[in-house]
């Protein structure tokens, strides 16, 4: 075979090998990217969901709740009710009680704080028998917005559901699109997501699938119904924008 022909064949072979190598690198890179995306979109979400489930279990059990600044506490004494008090945990994590002064409350469970209060009152009372109950907490609130009578923030009660939260907000307005409600929530990794649900089914059919159990920081949004949106459009277009009222017949001259 002439040298020129041999050179051309070798060059073609090298080009083919190079193209195959580039294709292999591209495929491996793409597959690596796919694996990375899968691990982020799959494993990450599952991990966050697991963390949220564990956090929910702790939040619902007041015996495991750790007191935080801003919490409202009810301190009661079994045999000495005259010392009963309601206090708010200060930013420094302490509370002030009669006769004994300041006591640290931050990061303690209600039972641990009650035990410390018993010790503090040991010189003042024969058998203090203190109990502590968390009445409210800024970190344990949910929010209801949209077509409800009284939108705003609500204290989260144990095992509180979406229907209960809407009832606490005064119920739905006549324009509410109850079948189009959305629960806005952040997972344990801080990523927001929405859960559509049907308030009509939850309230009237007892559907546990739609009557969602709420977590701290949840936001329930009740939008306007489609019919209400159409009515608003008609009012805005025909009554507010047109210079002549279309409902008043024109009198010919």
Protein backbone atom coordinates (compact mmCIF):
# COMPACT_ATOMS: atom_id res chain seq x y z
CA UNK A 1 0.00 0.00 0.00
CA UNK A 2 1.44 3.42 -0.93
CA UNK A 3 2.62 5.63 1.91
CA UNK A 4 -0.06 8.27 1.23
CA UNK A 5 -2.82 5.67 1.45
CA UNK A 6 -1.36 4.17 4.63
CA UNK A 7 -1.09 7.66 6.18
CA UNK A 8 -4.69 8.48 5.29
CA UNK A 9 -5.98 5.21 6.79
CA UNK A 10 -3.99 5.74 9.99
CA UNK A 11 -5.28 9.30 10.27
CA UNK A 12 -8.87 8.15 9.82
CA UNK A 13 -8.36 5.43 12.45
CA UNK A 14 -6.93 7.94 14.94
CA UNK A 15 -9.83 10.32 14.33
CA UNK A 16 -12.33 7.52 14.90
CA UNK A 17 -10.61 6.51 18.16
CA UNK A 18 -10.61 10.16 19.30
CA UNK A 19 -14.31 10.54 18.55
CA UNK A 20 -15.12 7.35 20.46
CA UNK A 21 -13.08 8.55 23.44
CA UNK A 22 -14.86 11.91 23.44
CA UNK A 23 -18.22 10.19 23.23
CA UNK A 24 -17.29 7.93 26.13
CA UNK A 25 -16.19 10.89 28.25
CA UNK A 26 -19.37 12.74 27.40
CA UNK A 27 -21.52 9.76 28.31
CA UNK A 28 -19.68 9.20 31.59
CA UNK A 29 -19.96 12.89 32.43
CA UNK A 30 -23.66 12.91 31.62
CA UNK A 31 -24.23 9.78 33.67
CA UNK A 32 -22.30 11.35 36.56
CA UNK A 33 -24.45 14.46 36.30
CA UNK A 34 -27.58 12.33 36.24
CA UNK A 35 -26.45 10.46 39.35
CA UNK A 36 -25.66 13.74 41.12
CA UNK A 37 -29.05 15.18 40.19
CA UNK A 38 -30.78 12.02 41.34
CA UNK A 39 -28.99 12.07 44.66
CA UNK A 40 -29.90 15.73 45.22
CA UNK A 41 -33.51 15.47 44.11
CA UNK A 42 -34.14 12.04 45.59
CA UNK A 43 -32.00 11.28 48.61
CA UNK A 44 -31.94 14.88 49.78
CA UNK A 45 -35.72 15.21 49.86
CA UNK A 46 -36.13 11.83 51.55
CA UNK A 47 -33.55 12.76 54.16
CA UNK A 48 -35.29 16.08 54.84
CA UNK A 49 -38.67 14.33 55.08
CA UNK A 50 -37.24 11.92 57.63
CA UNK A 51 -35.79 14.76 59.66
CA UNK A 52 -39.14 16.59 59.55
CA UNK A 53 -41.01 13.48 60.71
CA UNK A 54 -38.67 13.16 63.69
CA UNK A 55 -39.00 16.86 64.48
CA UNK A 56 -42.80 16.62 64.29
CA UNK A 57 -42.81 13.76 66.80
CA UNK A 58 -40.75 15.82 69.25
CA UNK A 59 -42.83 18.98 68.74
CA UNK A 60 -46.13 17.21 69.38
CA UNK A 61 -44.93 15.79 72.71
CA UNK A 62 -44.73 18.66 75.20
CA UNK A 63 -42.73 16.52 77.63
CA UNK A 64 -39.82 16.65 75.14
CA UNK A 65 -40.28 20.30 74.20
CA UNK A 66 -37.33 22.58 74.97
CA UNK A 67 -38.36 25.97 76.27
CA UNK A 68 -37.25 28.96 74.19
CA UNK A 69 -37.11 32.74 74.71
CA UNK A 70 -40.51 34.28 74.05
CA UNK A 71 -42.47 31.25 75.28
CA UNK A 72 -45.47 31.95 77.53
CA UNK A 73 -45.46 29.66 80.56
CA UNK A 74 -48.07 28.86 83.20
CA UNK A 75 -46.43 27.98 86.53
CA UNK A 76 -48.82 26.33 89.01
CA UNK A 77 -48.35 25.05 92.56
CA UNK A 78 -50.43 22.11 93.73
CA UNK A 79 -51.01 23.15 97.37
CA UNK A 80 -49.99 26.81 97.14
CA UNK A 81 -52.16 28.29 94.42
CA UNK A 82 -51.47 31.83 95.64
CA UNK A 83 -48.05 31.50 94.01
CA UNK A 84 -49.46 30.51 90.60
CA UNK A 85 -48.09 32.74 87.88
CA UNK A 86 -47.93 33.27 84.12
CA UNK A 87 -44.56 34.41 82.80
CA UNK A 88 -42.81 34.97 79.50
CA UNK A 89 -39.27 33.70 78.97
CA UNK A 90 -36.99 36.70 78.53
CA UNK A 91 -34.45 36.97 75.67
CA UNK A 92 -31.74 35.85 78.12
CA UNK A 93 -33.68 32.62 78.72
CA UNK A 94 -34.72 33.42 82.29
CA UNK A 95 -38.02 33.92 84.10
CA UNK A 96 -38.77 35.87 87.29
CA UNK A 97 -40.87 34.34 90.08
CA UNK A 98 -42.04 35.78 93.39
CA UNK A 99 -39.82 35.20 96.42
CA UNK A 100 -37.09 33.31 94.51
CA UNK A 101 -36.25 35.76 91.70
CA UNK A 102 -34.66 34.65 88.44
CA UNK A 103 -34.54 31.06 87.21
CA UNK A 104 -33.09 29.81 83.93
CA UNK A 105 -35.67 28.23 81.61
CA UNK A 106 -33.94 28.13 78.22
CA UNK A 107 -33.47 24.65 76.69
CA UNK A 108 -35.18 22.92 79.64
CA UNK A 109 -38.24 20.70 79.29
CA UNK A 110 -41.32 21.78 81.32
CA UNK A 111 -40.66 18.92 83.77
CA UNK A 112 -37.01 19.94 84.25
CA UNK A 113 -37.99 23.56 84.87
CA UNK A 114 -40.66 22.44 87.36
CA UNK A 115 -38.05 20.42 89.26
CA UNK A 116 -35.75 23.47 89.42
CA UNK A 117 -38.64 25.62 90.67
CA UNK A 118 -39.33 23.06 93.40
CA UNK A 119 -35.70 23.34 94.52
CA UNK A 120 -35.81 27.14 94.46
CA UNK A 121 -38.95 27.19 96.63
CA UNK A 122 -37.76 24.45 99.01
CA UNK A 123 -36.89 27.02 101.72
CA UNK A 124 -40.19 28.88 101.29
CA UNK A 125 -42.75 26.09 100.88
CA UNK A 126 -43.01 22.66 102.53
CA UNK A 127 -44.09 20.86 99.33
CA UNK A 128 -44.08 23.22 96.30
CA UNK A 129 -45.37 20.66 93.76
CA UNK A 130 -44.73 23.00 90.82
CA UNK A 131 -45.92 22.21 87.30
CA UNK A 132 -45.06 24.09 84.11
CA UNK A 133 -47.21 24.28 81.00
CA UNK A 134 -46.24 25.98 77.72
CA UNK A 135 -49.24 28.16 76.86
CA UNK A 136 -47.86 29.63 73.69
CA UNK A 137 -44.68 30.04 71.70
CA UNK A 138 -43.66 32.25 68.76
CA UNK A 139 -41.93 29.18 67.30
CA UNK A 140 -45.18 27.18 67.44
CA UNK A 141 -47.48 29.23 65.23
CA UNK A 142 -49.23 28.66 61.93
CA UNK A 143 -50.69 31.17 59.50
CA UNK A 144 -53.97 31.26 57.56
CA UNK A 145 -54.26 33.62 54.59
CA UNK A 146 -56.73 34.29 51.83
CA UNK A 147 -60.48 33.85 51.89
CA UNK A 148 -61.08 33.39 55.63
CA UNK A 149 -62.92 35.73 57.97
CA UNK A 150 -59.92 36.49 60.21
CA UNK A 151 -56.63 35.82 58.39
CA UNK A 152 -53.42 35.88 60.40
CA UNK A 153 -51.29 33.90 62.85
CA UNK A 154 -52.60 31.25 65.24
CA UNK A 155 -50.96 29.33 68.09
CA UNK A 156 -50.36 25.74 67.05
CA UNK A 157 -52.22 23.26 69.23
CA UNK A 158 -51.17 19.59 69.50
CA UNK A 159 -52.42 17.59 66.48
CA UNK A 160 -54.08 20.70 65.03
CA UNK A 161 -55.46 20.14 61.51
CA UNK A 162 -56.17 22.42 58.55
CA UNK A 163 -59.94 22.35 59.17
CA UNK A 164 -59.43 23.32 62.81
CA UNK A 165 -57.11 26.18 61.82
CA UNK A 166 -59.65 27.55 59.32
CA UNK A 167 -62.38 27.29 61.98
CA UNK A 168 -60.15 29.23 64.42
CA UNK A 169 -59.80 31.88 61.69
CA UNK A 170 -63.57 32.42 61.61
CA UNK A 171 -64.33 30.06 58.75
CA UNK A 172 -64.41 30.62 55.00
CA UNK A 173 -65.78 33.66 53.19
CA UNK A 174 -68.50 33.25 50.52
CA UNK A 175 -65.85 33.74 47.81
CA UNK A 176 -63.51 31.01 49.07
CA UNK A 177 -62.27 28.34 46.71
CA UNK A 178 -62.18 25.59 49.33
CA UNK A 179 -61.32 22.95 46.75
CA UNK A 180 -58.18 24.84 45.73
CA UNK A 181 -56.49 25.34 49.12
CA UNK A 182 -52.71 25.04 49.43
CA UNK A 183 -50.54 24.24 52.44
CA UNK A 184 -47.16 25.99 52.19
CA UNK A 185 -44.44 24.26 54.22
CA UNK A 186 -40.66 24.18 54.55
CA UNK A 187 -38.88 20.87 54.90
CA UNK A 188 -36.18 20.26 57.52
CA UNK A 189 -33.59 21.56 55.04
CA UNK A 190 -35.46 24.89 54.69
CA UNK A 191 -36.79 24.28 51.16
CA UNK A 192 -40.40 25.52 50.60
CA UNK A 193 -43.00 23.41 48.83
CA UNK A 194 -46.78 23.42 48.43
CA UNK A 195 -49.36 20.71 49.16
CA UNK A 196 -52.72 21.22 47.40
CA UNK A 197 -55.73 19.90 49.32
CA UNK A 198 -59.52 20.09 49.32
CA UNK A 199 -61.06 21.78 52.36
CA UNK A 200 -64.57 20.80 51.23
CA UNK A 201 -63.69 17.11 51.34
CA UNK A 202 -61.89 17.49 54.66
CA UNK A 203 -64.74 19.40 56.35
CA UNK A 204 -67.81 17.63 54.94
CA UNK A 205 -66.64 14.14 54.06
CA UNK A 206 -64.21 13.59 56.93
CA UNK A 207 -61.35 12.87 54.52
CA UNK A 208 -58.20 12.39 56.58
CA UNK A 209 -56.19 12.67 53.36
CA UNK A 210 -57.26 16.30 52.98
CA UNK A 211 -57.45 17.31 56.66
CA UNK A 212 -53.71 17.70 57.07
CA UNK A 213 -51.98 17.75 60.47
CA UNK A 214 -50.08 21.02 60.79
CA UNK A 215 -46.48 21.72 61.75
CA UNK A 216 -44.92 24.90 63.19
CA UNK A 217 -44.59 27.59 60.53
CA UNK A 218 -47.17 26.10 58.14
CA UNK A 219 -49.10 28.57 55.98
CA UNK A 220 -52.61 27.73 54.74
CA UNK A 221 -53.68 29.72 51.68
CA UNK A 222 -57.34 29.70 50.66
CA UNK A 223 -57.69 31.36 47.22
CA UNK A 224 -60.79 32.87 45.64
CA UNK A 225 -63.11 30.50 43.85
CA UNK A 226 -63.23 30.52 40.05
CA UNK A 227 -66.77 31.91 40.13
CA UNK A 228 -65.65 34.72 42.44
CA UNK A 229 -62.74 35.50 40.12
CA UNK A 230 -65.14 35.76 37.17
CA UNK A 231 -67.47 37.99 39.18
CA UNK A 232 -64.57 40.26 40.14
CA UNK A 233 -63.48 40.50 36.51
CA UNK A 234 -67.01 41.41 35.37
CA UNK A 235 -67.29 44.09 38.07
CA UNK A 236 -63.86 45.49 37.30
CA UNK A 237 -64.34 45.54 33.50
CA UNK A 238 -67.94 46.56 33.08
CA UNK A 239 -68.54 48.73 36.13
CA UNK A 240 -65.15 50.29 36.81
CA UNK A 241 -63.55 50.62 33.35
CA UNK A 242 -66.39 51.31 30.95
CA UNK A 243 -67.45 55.00 30.89
CA UNK A 244 -71.14 54.06 30.49
CA UNK A 245 -72.98 51.76 32.86
CA UNK A 246 -74.04 48.79 30.68
CA UNK A 247 -76.90 47.98 33.04
CA UNK A 248 -78.67 51.32 32.39
CA UNK A 249 -80.57 51.28 29.07
CA UNK A 250 -79.64 54.10 26.69
CA UNK A 251 -82.53 56.41 25.80
CA UNK A 252 -82.49 57.37 22.11
CA UNK A 253 -82.70 61.08 21.31
